């Protein structure tokens, strides 16, 4: 059974842990659609026309591999910084690994809530 906890007024709470999974799915989708659709054909062209193909392919892949490792490290770090708090008059949101952001939404500005 799924055990959910109702947040209390004045108490910090985090979003659902499934949000990290969603970010990882976005990463995989971004790699499949945004990178592999152009990157593999470029590598094939380079590999066909160069005597130094393994070196060129490796050198070209290192920046993307570094970026991928960075994003995989960053997702849980970002999730850990996410906090929400319900007060008597507003909802306070805090997040950010390097650049901390705080957002405050008064209850009077909320016009629609969907629950599932």
PDB file of N, CA and C in Angstrom:
ATOM      1  N   UNK A   1       0.841  -1.176   0.000  1.00  0.00           N
ATOM      2  CA  UNK A   1       0.000   0.000   0.000  1.00  0.00           C
ATOM      3  C   UNK A   1       0.886   1.239   0.000  1.00  0.00           C
ATOM      4  N   UNK A   2       0.512   2.247  -0.763  1.00  0.00           N
ATOM      5  CA  UNK A   2       1.261   3.480  -0.861  1.00  0.00           C
ATOM      6  C   UNK A   2       0.981   4.354   0.356  1.00  0.00           C
ATOM      7  N   UNK A   3       2.028   4.641   1.107  1.00  0.00           N
ATOM      8  CA  UNK A   3       1.844   5.417   2.329  1.00  0.00           C
ATOM      9  C   UNK A   3       2.256   6.862   2.059  1.00  0.00           C
ATOM     10  N   UNK A   4       1.276   7.764   2.068  1.00  0.00           N
ATOM     11  CA  UNK A   4       1.575   9.175   1.873  1.00  0.00           C
ATOM     12  C   UNK A   4       1.348   9.910   3.176  1.00  0.00           C
ATOM     13  N   UNK A   5       2.117  10.987   3.333  1.00  0.00           N
ATOM     14  CA  UNK A   5       2.028  11.771   4.549  1.00  0.00           C
ATOM     15  C   UNK A   5       1.529  13.159   4.187  1.00  0.00           C
ATOM     16  N   UNK A   6       0.539  13.639   4.915  1.00  0.00           N
ATOM     17  CA  UNK A   6       0.005  14.966   4.679  1.00  0.00           C
ATOM     18  C   UNK A   6       0.920  15.990   5.336  1.00  0.00           C
ATOM     19  N   UNK A   7       1.391  16.988   4.583  1.00  0.00           N
ATOM     20  CA  UNK A   7       2.260  18.006   5.182  1.00  0.00           C
ATOM     21  C   UNK A   7       1.495  18.855   6.186  1.00  0.00           C
ATOM     22  N   UNK A   8       2.195  19.265   7.207  1.00  0.00           N
ATOM     23  CA  UNK A   8       1.601  20.086   8.258  1.00  0.00           C
ATOM     24  C   UNK A   8       2.037  21.539   8.077  1.00  0.00           C
ATOM     25  N   UNK A   9       1.229  22.447   8.574  1.00  0.00           N
ATOM     26  CA  UNK A   9       1.537  23.877   8.498  1.00  0.00           C
ATOM     27  C   UNK A   9       2.863  24.149   9.208  1.00  0.00           C
ATOM     28  N   UNK A  10       3.754  24.866   8.535  1.00  0.00           N
ATOM     29  CA  UNK A  10       5.041  25.245   9.117  1.00  0.00           C
ATOM     30  C   UNK A  10       6.122  24.179   9.030  1.00  0.00           C
ATOM     31  N   UNK A  11       5.815  23.011   8.472  1.00  0.00           N
ATOM     32  CA  UNK A  11       6.772  21.916   8.390  1.00  0.00           C
ATOM     33  C   UNK A  11       7.273  21.763   6.953  1.00  0.00           C
ATOM     34  N   UNK A  12       8.594  21.674   6.768  1.00  0.00           N
ATOM     35  CA  UNK A  12       9.163  21.481   5.435  1.00  0.00           C
ATOM     36  C   UNK A  12       8.858  20.076   4.933  1.00  0.00           C
ATOM     37  N   UNK A  13       8.633  19.973   3.622  1.00  0.00           N
ATOM     38  CA  UNK A  13       8.459  18.653   3.020  1.00  0.00           C
ATOM     39  C   UNK A  13       9.060  18.661   1.625  1.00  0.00           C
ATOM     40  N   UNK A  14       9.340  17.480   1.118  1.00  0.00           N
ATOM     41  CA  UNK A  14       9.968  17.296  -0.190  1.00  0.00           C
ATOM     42  C   UNK A  14       8.940  16.735  -1.172  1.00  0.00           C
ATOM     43  N   UNK A  15       9.206  16.917  -2.468  1.00  0.00           N
ATOM     44  CA  UNK A  15       8.325  16.263  -3.444  1.00  0.00           C
ATOM     45  C   UNK A  15       8.522  14.746  -3.413  1.00  0.00           C
ATOM     46  N   UNK A  16       7.666  14.050  -4.104  1.00  0.00           N
ATOM     47  CA  UNK A  16       7.734  12.590  -4.139  1.00  0.00           C
ATOM     48  C   UNK A  16       9.062  12.132  -4.745  1.00  0.00           C
ATOM     49  N   UNK A  17       9.638  11.037  -4.225  1.00  0.00           N
ATOM     50  CA  UNK A  17      10.904  10.521  -4.766  1.00  0.00           C
ATOM     51  C   UNK A  17      10.817  10.124  -6.239  1.00  0.00           C
ATOM     52  N   UNK A  18       9.619   9.882  -6.737  1.00  0.00           N
ATOM     53  CA  UNK A  18       9.466   9.517  -8.150  1.00  0.00           C
ATOM     54  C   UNK A  18       9.877  10.665  -9.072  1.00  0.00           C
ATOM     55  N   UNK A  19      10.023  11.871  -8.536  1.00  0.00           N
ATOM     56  CA  UNK A  19      10.458  13.000  -9.348  1.00  0.00           C
ATOM     57  C   UNK A  19      11.869  12.768  -9.886  1.00  0.00           C
ATOM     58  N   UNK A  20      12.732  12.145  -9.064  1.00  0.00           N
ATOM     59  CA  UNK A  20      14.077  11.810  -9.550  1.00  0.00           C
ATOM     60  C   UNK A  20      13.999  10.850 -10.737  1.00  0.00           C
ATOM     61  N   UNK A  21      13.122   9.867 -10.647  1.00  0.00           N
ATOM     62  CA  UNK A  21      12.933   8.916 -11.744  1.00  0.00           C
ATOM     63  C   UNK A  21      12.466   9.642 -12.999  1.00  0.00           C
ATOM     64  N   UNK A  22      11.579  10.594 -12.836  1.00  0.00           N
ATOM     65  CA  UNK A  22      11.104  11.370 -13.973  1.00  0.00           C
ATOM     66  C   UNK A  22      12.248  12.150 -14.619  1.00  0.00           C
ATOM     67  N   UNK A  23      13.110  12.746 -13.808  1.00  0.00           N
ATOM     68  CA  UNK A  23      14.264  13.475 -14.348  1.00  0.00           C
ATOM     69  C   UNK A  23      15.207  12.531 -15.103  1.00  0.00           C
ATOM     70  N   UNK A  24      15.412  11.322 -14.590  1.00  0.00           N
ATOM     71  CA  UNK A  24      16.249  10.351 -15.300  1.00  0.00           C
ATOM     72  C   UNK A  24      15.598   9.922 -16.624  1.00  0.00           C
ATOM     73  N   UNK A  25      14.275   9.772 -16.643  1.00  0.00           N
ATOM     74  CA  UNK A  25      13.581   9.447 -17.893  1.00  0.00           C
ATOM     75  C   UNK A  25      13.723  10.586 -18.902  1.00  0.00           C
ATOM     76  N   UNK A  26      13.632  11.832 -18.425  1.00  0.00           N
ATOM     77  CA  UNK A  26      13.859  12.979 -19.315  1.00  0.00           C
ATOM     78  C   UNK A  26      15.274  12.954 -19.880  1.00  0.00           C
ATOM     79  N   UNK A  27      16.236  12.577 -19.065  1.00  0.00           N
ATOM     80  CA  UNK A  27      17.621  12.493 -19.518  1.00  0.00           C
ATOM     81  C   UNK A  27      17.762  11.442 -20.625  1.00  0.00           C
ATOM     82  N   UNK A  28      17.196  10.274 -20.419  1.00  0.00           N
ATOM     83  CA  UNK A  28      17.264   9.206 -21.421  1.00  0.00           C
ATOM     84  C   UNK A  28      16.575   9.650 -22.710  1.00  0.00           C
ATOM     85  N   UNK A  29      15.402  10.263 -22.589  1.00  0.00           N
ATOM     86  CA  UNK A  29      14.695  10.747 -23.771  1.00  0.00           C
ATOM     87  C   UNK A  29      15.507  11.823 -24.487  1.00  0.00           C
ATOM     88  N   UNK A  30      16.126  12.721 -23.730  1.00  0.00           N
ATOM     89  CA  UNK A  30      16.961  13.756 -24.329  1.00  0.00           C
ATOM     90  C   UNK A  30      18.150  13.179 -25.065  1.00  0.00           C
ATOM     91  N   UNK A  31      18.738  12.134 -24.503  1.00  0.00           N
ATOM     92  CA  UNK A  31      19.871  11.480 -25.175  1.00  0.00           C
ATOM     93  C   UNK A  31      19.406  10.796 -26.457  1.00  0.00           C
ATOM     94  N   UNK A  32      18.306  10.058 -26.381  1.00  0.00           N
ATOM     95  CA  UNK A  32      17.820   9.328 -27.549  1.00  0.00           C
ATOM     96  C   UNK A  32      17.399  10.260 -28.686  1.00  0.00           C
ATOM     97  N   UNK A  33      16.663  11.308 -28.350  1.00  0.00           N
ATOM     98  CA  UNK A  33      16.119  12.189 -29.378  1.00  0.00           C
ATOM     99  C   UNK A  33      17.077  13.326 -29.719  1.00  0.00           C
ATOM    100  N   UNK A  34      17.656  13.934 -28.706  1.00  0.00           N
ATOM    101  CA  UNK A  34      18.440  15.131 -28.934  1.00  0.00           C
ATOM    102  C   UNK A  34      19.894  14.908 -29.272  1.00  0.00           C
ATOM    103  N   UNK A  35      20.446  13.746 -28.940  1.00  0.00           N
ATOM    104  CA  UNK A  35      21.872  13.517 -29.184  1.00  0.00           C
ATOM    105  C   UNK A  35      22.095  12.414 -30.210  1.00  0.00           C
ATOM    106  N   UNK A  36      21.538  11.253 -29.974  1.00  0.00           N
ATOM    107  CA  UNK A  36      21.845  10.111 -30.836  1.00  0.00           C
ATOM    108  C   UNK A  36      21.356  10.280 -32.267  1.00  0.00           C
ATOM    109  N   UNK A  37      20.311  11.090 -32.487  1.00  0.00           N
ATOM    110  CA  UNK A  37      19.789  11.261 -33.843  1.00  0.00           C
ATOM    111  C   UNK A  37      20.779  11.967 -34.750  1.00  0.00           C
ATOM    112  N   UNK A  38      21.653  12.779 -34.218  1.00  0.00           N
ATOM    113  CA  UNK A  38      22.668  13.441 -35.048  1.00  0.00           C
ATOM    114  C   UNK A  38      24.076  12.946 -34.752  1.00  0.00           C
ATOM    115  N   UNK A  39      24.311  12.461 -33.550  1.00  0.00           N
ATOM    116  CA  UNK A  39      25.668  12.115 -33.139  1.00  0.00           C
ATOM    117  C   UNK A  39      26.176  10.839 -33.806  1.00  0.00           C
ATOM    118  N   UNK A  40      25.344   9.827 -33.884  1.00  0.00           N
ATOM    119  CA  UNK A  40      25.761   8.564 -34.515  1.00  0.00           C
ATOM    120  C   UNK A  40      26.060   8.757 -36.000  1.00  0.00           C
ATOM    121  N   UNK A  41      25.206   9.446 -36.771  1.00  0.00           N
ATOM    122  CA  UNK A  41      25.584   9.670 -38.179  1.00  0.00           C
ATOM    123  C   UNK A  41      26.888  10.463 -38.330  1.00  0.00           C
ATOM    124  N   UNK A  42      27.121  11.446 -37.465  1.00  0.00           N
ATOM    125  CA  UNK A  42      28.376  12.201 -37.533  1.00  0.00           C
ATOM    126  C   UNK A  42      29.560  11.285 -37.254  1.00  0.00           C
ATOM    127  N   UNK A  43      29.450  10.423 -36.261  1.00  0.00           N
ATOM    128  CA  UNK A  43      30.532   9.492 -35.958  1.00  0.00           C
ATOM    129  C   UNK A  43      30.789   8.526 -37.111  1.00  0.00           C
ATOM    130  N   UNK A  44      29.728   8.074 -37.767  1.00  0.00           N
ATOM    131  CA  UNK A  44      29.900   7.157 -38.898  1.00  0.00           C
ATOM    132  C   UNK A  44      30.616   7.838 -40.067  1.00  0.00           C
ATOM    133  N   UNK A  45      30.287   9.089 -40.313  1.00  0.00           N
ATOM    134  CA  UNK A  45      30.955   9.823 -41.392  1.00  0.00           C
ATOM    135  C   UNK A  45      32.426  10.026 -41.056  1.00  0.00           C
ATOM    136  N   UNK A  46      32.701  10.383 -39.812  1.00  0.00           N
ATOM    137  CA  UNK A  46      34.092  10.585 -39.389  1.00  0.00           C
ATOM    138  C   UNK A  46      34.861   9.274 -39.486  1.00  0.00           C
ATOM    139  N   UNK A  47      34.237   8.188 -39.023  1.00  0.00           N
ATOM    140  CA  UNK A  47      34.920   6.894 -39.011  1.00  0.00           C
ATOM    141  C   UNK A  47      35.231   6.408 -40.427  1.00  0.00           C
ATOM    142  N   UNK A  48      34.396   6.725 -41.405  1.00  0.00           N
ATOM    143  CA  UNK A  48      34.617   6.278 -42.766  1.00  0.00           C
ATOM    144  C   UNK A  48      35.712   7.066 -43.475  1.00  0.00           C
ATOM    145  N   UNK A  49      35.848   8.327 -43.147  1.00  0.00           N
ATOM    146  CA  UNK A  49      36.736   9.153 -43.933  1.00  0.00           C
ATOM    147  C   UNK A  49      38.069   9.484 -43.295  1.00  0.00           C
ATOM    148  N   UNK A  50      38.423   8.839 -42.191  1.00  0.00           N
ATOM    149  CA  UNK A  50      39.654   9.219 -41.503  1.00  0.00           C
ATOM    150  C   UNK A  50      40.471   7.990 -41.142  1.00  0.00           C
ATOM    151  N   UNK A  51      41.797   8.145 -41.249  1.00  0.00           N
ATOM    152  CA  UNK A  51      42.677   7.069 -40.798  1.00  0.00           C
ATOM    153  C   UNK A  51      42.765   7.023 -39.280  1.00  0.00           C
ATOM    154  N   UNK A  52      42.545   8.162 -38.648  1.00  0.00           N
ATOM    155  CA  UNK A  52      42.592   8.250 -37.185  1.00  0.00           C
ATOM    156  C   UNK A  52      41.196   8.174 -36.581  1.00  0.00           C
ATOM    157  N   UNK A  53      40.307   7.398 -37.166  1.00  0.00           N
ATOM    158  CA  UNK A  53      38.908   7.349 -36.740  1.00  0.00           C
ATOM    159  C   UNK A  53      38.725   7.004 -35.262  1.00  0.00           C
ATOM    160  N   UNK A  54      39.389   5.985 -34.718  1.00  0.00           N
ATOM    161  CA  UNK A  54      39.163   5.682 -33.298  1.00  0.00           C
ATOM    162  C   UNK A  54      39.552   6.857 -32.388  1.00  0.00           C
ATOM    163  N   UNK A  55      40.633   7.521 -32.723  1.00  0.00           N
ATOM    164  CA  UNK A  55      41.069   8.668 -31.918  1.00  0.00           C
ATOM    165  C   UNK A  55      40.063   9.814 -32.013  1.00  0.00           C
ATOM    166  N   UNK A  56      39.601  10.114 -33.218  1.00  0.00           N
ATOM    167  CA  UNK A  56      38.654  11.209 -33.424  1.00  0.00           C
ATOM    168  C   UNK A  56      37.328  10.904 -32.738  1.00  0.00           C
ATOM    169  N   UNK A  57      36.854   9.687 -32.866  1.00  0.00           N
ATOM    170  CA  UNK A  57      35.587   9.306 -32.239  1.00  0.00           C
ATOM    171  C   UNK A  57      35.703   9.393 -30.718  1.00  0.00           C
ATOM    172  N   UNK A  58      36.798   8.901 -30.167  1.00  0.00           N
ATOM    173  CA  UNK A  58      37.000   8.965 -28.713  1.00  0.00           C
ATOM    174  C   UNK A  58      37.087  10.400 -28.245  1.00  0.00           C
ATOM    175  N   UNK A  59      37.854  11.209 -28.940  1.00  0.00           N
ATOM    176  CA  UNK A  59      38.009  12.607 -28.561  1.00  0.00           C
ATOM    177  C   UNK A  59      36.681  13.353 -28.668  1.00  0.00           C
ATOM    178  N   UNK A  60      35.892  13.034 -29.667  1.00  0.00           N
ATOM    179  CA  UNK A  60      34.588  13.673 -29.826  1.00  0.00           C
ATOM    180  C   UNK A  60      33.568  13.214 -28.807  1.00  0.00           C
ATOM    181  N   UNK A  61      33.739  12.010 -28.276  1.00  0.00           N
ATOM    182  CA  UNK A  61      32.782  11.469 -27.319  1.00  0.00           C
ATOM    183  C   UNK A  61      33.043  11.919 -25.887  1.00  0.00           C
ATOM    184  N   UNK A  62      34.254  12.309 -25.581  1.00  0.00           N
ATOM    185  CA  UNK A  62      34.591  12.679 -24.198  1.00  0.00           C
ATOM    186  C   UNK A  62      33.761  13.831 -23.651  1.00  0.00           C
ATOM    187  N   UNK A  63      33.544  14.932 -24.380  1.00  0.00           N
ATOM    188  CA  UNK A  63      32.711  16.000 -23.817  1.00  0.00           C
ATOM    189  C   UNK A  63      31.284  15.549 -23.516  1.00  0.00           C
ATOM    190  N   UNK A  64      30.692  14.758 -24.414  1.00  0.00           N
ATOM    191  CA  UNK A  64      29.335  14.275 -24.158  1.00  0.00           C
ATOM    192  C   UNK A  64      29.297  13.315 -22.975  1.00  0.00           C
ATOM    193  N   UNK A  65      30.300  12.477 -22.849  1.00  0.00           N
ATOM    194  CA  UNK A  65      30.364  11.563 -21.713  1.00  0.00           C
ATOM    195  C   UNK A  65      30.521  12.344 -20.404  1.00  0.00           C
ATOM    196  N   UNK A  66      31.362  13.369 -20.421  1.00  0.00           N
ATOM    197  CA  UNK A  66      31.529  14.217 -19.240  1.00  0.00           C
ATOM    198  C   UNK A  66      30.235  14.913 -18.858  1.00  0.00           C
ATOM    199  N   UNK A  67      29.503  15.420 -19.847  1.00  0.00           N
ATOM    200  CA  UNK A  67      28.222  16.068 -19.588  1.00  0.00           C
ATOM    201  C   UNK A  67      27.212  15.080 -19.022  1.00  0.00           C
ATOM    202  N   UNK A  68      27.179  13.877 -19.552  1.00  0.00           N
ATOM    203  CA  UNK A  68      26.273  12.846 -19.064  1.00  0.00           C
ATOM    204  C   UNK A  68      26.577  12.498 -17.609  1.00  0.00           C
ATOM    205  N   UNK A  69      27.844  12.316 -17.276  1.00  0.00           N
ATOM    206  CA  UNK A  69      28.226  12.007 -15.892  1.00  0.00           C
ATOM    207  C   UNK A  69      27.828  13.154 -14.965  1.00  0.00           C
ATOM    208  N   UNK A  70      28.047  14.383 -15.415  1.00  0.00           N
ATOM    209  CA  UNK A  70      27.674  15.543 -14.609  1.00  0.00           C
ATOM    210  C   UNK A  70      26.173  15.571 -14.338  1.00  0.00           C
ATOM    211  N   UNK A  71      25.350  15.334 -15.358  1.00  0.00           N
ATOM    212  CA  UNK A  71      23.894  15.382 -15.180  1.00  0.00           C
ATOM    213  C   UNK A  71      23.415  14.256 -14.272  1.00  0.00           C
ATOM    214  N   UNK A  72      23.988  13.061 -14.420  1.00  0.00           N
ATOM    215  CA  UNK A  72      23.605  11.936 -13.555  1.00  0.00           C
ATOM    216  C   UNK A  72      23.954  12.256 -12.102  1.00  0.00           C
ATOM    217  N   UNK A  73      25.053  12.957 -11.861  1.00  0.00           N
ATOM    218  CA  UNK A  73      25.428  13.384 -10.509  1.00  0.00           C
ATOM    219  C   UNK A  73      24.524  14.510 -10.030  1.00  0.00           C
ATOM    220  N   UNK A  74      24.139  15.412 -10.912  1.00  0.00           N
ATOM    221  CA  UNK A  74      23.393  16.604 -10.538  1.00  0.00           C
ATOM    222  C   UNK A  74      21.948  16.309 -10.140  1.00  0.00           C
ATOM    223  N   UNK A  75      21.287  15.347 -10.770  1.00  0.00           N
ATOM    224  CA  UNK A  75      19.866  15.084 -10.512  1.00  0.00           C
ATOM    225  C   UNK A  75      19.585  14.817  -9.036  1.00  0.00           C
ATOM    226  N   UNK A  76      20.289  13.893  -8.362  1.00  0.00           N
ATOM    227  CA  UNK A  76      19.982  13.694  -6.933  1.00  0.00           C
ATOM    228  C   UNK A  76      20.372  14.896  -6.077  1.00  0.00           C
ATOM    229  N   UNK A  77      21.431  15.618  -6.474  1.00  0.00           N
ATOM    230  CA  UNK A  77      21.811  16.813  -5.722  1.00  0.00           C
ATOM    231  C   UNK A  77      20.698  17.855  -5.787  1.00  0.00           C
ATOM    232  N   UNK A  78      20.127  18.048  -6.959  1.00  0.00           N
ATOM    233  CA  UNK A  78      19.042  19.011  -7.130  1.00  0.00           C
ATOM    234  C   UNK A  78      17.813  18.590  -6.344  1.00  0.00           C
ATOM    235  N   UNK A  79      17.474  17.292  -6.399  1.00  0.00           N
ATOM    236  CA  UNK A  79      16.305  16.809  -5.656  1.00  0.00           C
ATOM    237  C   UNK A  79      16.452  17.081  -4.160  1.00  0.00           C
ATOM    238  N   UNK A  80      17.654  16.887  -3.635  1.00  0.00           N
ATOM    239  CA  UNK A  80      17.871  17.097  -2.198  1.00  0.00           C
ATOM    240  C   UNK A  80      17.675  18.544  -1.775  1.00  0.00           C
ATOM    241  N   UNK A  81      17.825  19.490  -2.705  1.00  0.00           N
ATOM    242  CA  UNK A  81      17.655  20.901  -2.342  1.00  0.00           C
ATOM    243  C   UNK A  81      16.206  21.350  -2.403  1.00  0.00           C
ATOM    244  N   UNK A  82      15.332  20.545  -2.990  1.00  0.00           N
ATOM    245  CA  UNK A  82      13.935  20.947  -3.151  1.00  0.00           C
ATOM    246  C   UNK A  82      13.193  20.820  -1.832  1.00  0.00           C
ATOM    247  N   UNK A  83      12.582  21.932  -1.407  1.00  0.00           N
ATOM    248  CA  UNK A  83      11.794  21.949  -0.176  1.00  0.00           C
ATOM    249  C   UNK A  83      10.556  22.801  -0.382  1.00  0.00           C
ATOM    250  N   UNK A  84       9.504  22.399   0.241  1.00  0.00           N
ATOM    251  CA  UNK A  84       8.260  23.159   0.226  1.00  0.00           C
ATOM    252  C   UNK A  84       7.813  23.338   1.672  1.00  0.00           C
ATOM    253  N   UNK A  85       7.077  24.424   1.913  1.00  0.00           N
ATOM    254  CA  UNK A  85       6.549  24.668   3.253  1.00  0.00           C
ATOM    255  C   UNK A  85       5.202  25.369   3.110  1.00  0.00           C
ATOM    256  N   UNK A  86       4.219  24.852   3.827  1.00  0.00           N
ATOM    257  CA  UNK A  86       2.917  25.496   3.895  1.00  0.00           C
ATOM    258  C   UNK A  86       2.888  26.361   5.142  1.00  0.00           C
ATOM    259  N   UNK A  87       2.562  27.641   4.989  1.00  0.00           N
ATOM    260  CA  UNK A  87       2.406  28.520   6.143  1.00  0.00           C
ATOM    261  C   UNK A  87       0.926  28.884   6.257  1.00  0.00           C
ATOM    262  N   UNK A  88       0.604  29.755   7.145  1.00  0.00           N
ATOM    263  CA  UNK A  88      -0.790  30.152   7.316  1.00  0.00           C
ATOM    264  C   UNK A  88      -1.344  30.902   6.125  1.00  0.00           C
ATOM    265  N   UNK A  89      -0.480  31.603   5.378  1.00  0.00           N
ATOM    266  CA  UNK A  89      -0.960  32.456   4.295  1.00  0.00           C
ATOM    267  C   UNK A  89      -0.397  32.130   2.919  1.00  0.00           C
ATOM    268  N   UNK A  90       0.627  31.262   2.851  1.00  0.00           N
ATOM    269  CA  UNK A  90       1.312  31.070   1.574  1.00  0.00           C
ATOM    270  C   UNK A  90       2.012  29.722   1.499  1.00  0.00           C
ATOM    271  N   UNK A  91       2.473  29.410   0.292  1.00  0.00           N
ATOM    272  CA  UNK A  91       3.318  28.247   0.053  1.00  0.00           C
ATOM    273  C   UNK A  91       4.702  28.776  -0.294  1.00  0.00           C
ATOM    274  N   UNK A  92       5.732  28.248   0.370  1.00  0.00           N
ATOM    275  CA  UNK A  92       7.110  28.672   0.137  1.00  0.00           C
ATOM    276  C   UNK A  92       7.851  27.513  -0.521  1.00  0.00           C
ATOM    277  N   UNK A  93       8.555  27.822  -1.625  1.00  0.00           N
ATOM    278  CA  UNK A  93       9.313  26.817  -2.370  1.00  0.00           C
ATOM    279  C   UNK A  93      10.777  27.238  -2.386  1.00  0.00           C
ATOM    280  N   UNK A  94      11.670  26.286  -2.061  1.00  0.00           N
ATOM    281  CA  UNK A  94      13.114  26.534  -2.102  1.00  0.00           C
ATOM    282  C   UNK A  94      13.776  25.422  -2.906  1.00  0.00           C
ATOM    283  N   UNK A  95      14.740  25.823  -3.754  1.00  0.00           N
ATOM    284  CA  UNK A  95      15.500  24.825  -4.506  1.00  0.00           C
ATOM    285  C   UNK A  95      16.724  25.488  -5.115  1.00  0.00           C
ATOM    286  N   UNK A  96      17.644  24.643  -5.586  1.00  0.00           N
ATOM    287  CA  UNK A  96      18.827  25.134  -6.259  1.00  0.00           C
ATOM    288  C   UNK A  96      20.099  24.589  -5.658  1.00  0.00           C
ATOM    289  N   UNK A  97      20.953  24.025  -6.501  1.00  0.00           N
ATOM    290  CA  UNK A  97      22.227  23.483  -6.052  1.00  0.00           C
ATOM    291  C   UNK A  97      23.239  24.605  -5.914  1.00  0.00           C
ATOM    292  N   UNK A  98      23.431  25.373  -6.976  1.00  0.00           N
ATOM    293  CA  UNK A  98      24.393  26.481  -6.930  1.00  0.00           C
ATOM    294  C   UNK A  98      23.695  27.816  -6.751  1.00  0.00           C
ATOM    295  N   UNK A  99      22.583  27.989  -7.442  1.00  0.00           N
ATOM    296  CA  UNK A  99      21.829  29.228  -7.368  1.00  0.00           C
ATOM    297  C   UNK A  99      20.543  28.949  -6.608  1.00  0.00           C
ATOM    298  N   UNK A 100      20.500  29.379  -5.368  1.00  0.00           N
ATOM    299  CA  UNK A 100      19.337  29.120  -4.516  1.00  0.00           C
ATOM    300  C   UNK A 100      18.182  30.017  -4.940  1.00  0.00           C
ATOM    301  N   UNK A 101      17.011  29.422  -5.066  1.00  0.00           N
ATOM    302  CA  UNK A 101      15.806  30.154  -5.434  1.00  0.00           C
ATOM    303  C   UNK A 101      14.747  29.939  -4.372  1.00  0.00           C
ATOM    304  N   UNK A 102      14.028  30.988  -4.072  1.00  0.00           N
ATOM    305  CA  UNK A 102      12.898  30.905  -3.153  1.00  0.00           C
ATOM    306  C   UNK A 102      11.697  31.528  -3.852  1.00  0.00           C
ATOM    307  N   UNK A 103      10.617  30.813  -3.863  1.00  0.00           N
ATOM    308  CA  UNK A 103       9.374  31.323  -4.446  1.00  0.00           C
ATOM    309  C   UNK A 103       8.283  31.289  -3.399  1.00  0.00           C
ATOM    310  N   UNK A 104       7.494  32.341  -3.341  1.00  0.00           N
ATOM    311  CA  UNK A 104       6.401  32.435  -2.377  1.00  0.00           C
ATOM    312  C   UNK A 104       5.107  32.684  -3.148  1.00  0.00           C
ATOM    313  N   UNK A 105       4.120  31.827  -2.913  1.00  0.00           N
ATOM    314  CA  UNK A 105       2.825  31.964  -3.578  1.00  0.00           C
ATOM    315  C   UNK A 105       1.752  32.106  -2.501  1.00  0.00           C
ATOM    316  N   UNK A 106       1.150  33.287  -2.384  1.00  0.00           N
ATOM    317  CA  UNK A 106       0.047  33.432  -1.425  1.00  0.00           C
ATOM    318  C   UNK A 106      -1.142  32.565  -1.842  1.00  0.00           C
ATOM    319  N   UNK A 107      -1.854  32.056  -0.862  1.00  0.00           N
ATOM    320  CA  UNK A 107      -3.007  31.214  -1.168  1.00  0.00           C
ATOM    321  C   UNK A 107      -4.031  31.969  -2.019  1.00  0.00           C
ATOM    322  N   UNK A 108      -4.130  33.283  -1.850  1.00  0.00           N
ATOM    323  CA  UNK A 108      -5.105  34.073  -2.601  1.00  0.00           C
ATOM    324  C   UNK A 108      -4.796  34.107  -4.097  1.00  0.00           C
ATOM    325  N   UNK A 109      -3.560  33.790  -4.505  1.00  0.00           N
ATOM    326  CA  UNK A 109      -3.182  33.785  -5.921  1.00  0.00           C
ATOM    327  C   UNK A 109      -3.418  32.434  -6.583  1.00  0.00           C
ATOM    328  N   UNK A 110      -3.699  31.402  -5.806  1.00  0.00           N
ATOM    329  CA  UNK A 110      -3.942  30.073  -6.358  1.00  0.00           C
ATOM    330  C   UNK A 110      -5.356  30.033  -6.911  1.00  0.00           C
ATOM    331  N   UNK A 111      -5.475  29.703  -8.208  1.00  0.00           N
ATOM    332  CA  UNK A 111      -6.791  29.721  -8.854  1.00  0.00           C
ATOM    333  C   UNK A 111      -7.306  28.335  -9.208  1.00  0.00           C
ATOM    334  N   UNK A 112      -6.411  27.339  -9.237  1.00  0.00           N
ATOM    335  CA  UNK A 112      -6.858  26.008  -9.652  1.00  0.00           C
ATOM    336  C   UNK A 112      -5.961  24.964  -9.008  1.00  0.00           C
ATOM    337  N   UNK A 113      -6.536  23.877  -8.536  1.00  0.00           N
ATOM    338  CA  UNK A 113      -5.790  22.764  -7.977  1.00  0.00           C
ATOM    339  C   UNK A 113      -6.375  21.475  -8.546  1.00  0.00           C
ATOM    340  N   UNK A 114      -5.504  20.640  -9.130  1.00  0.00           N
ATOM    341  CA  UNK A 114      -5.924  19.328  -9.622  1.00  0.00           C
ATOM    342  C   UNK A 114      -5.297  18.279  -8.725  1.00  0.00           C
ATOM    343  N   UNK A 115      -6.086  17.323  -8.271  1.00  0.00           N
ATOM    344  CA  UNK A 115      -5.558  16.227  -7.455  1.00  0.00           C
ATOM    345  C   UNK A 115      -5.885  14.912  -8.118  1.00  0.00           C
ATOM    346  N   UNK A 116      -4.988  13.973  -7.938  1.00  0.00           N
ATOM    347  CA  UNK A 116      -5.239  12.631  -8.465  1.00  0.00           C
ATOM    348  C   UNK A 116      -4.991  11.635  -7.366  1.00  0.00           C
TER     349      UNK A 116
END
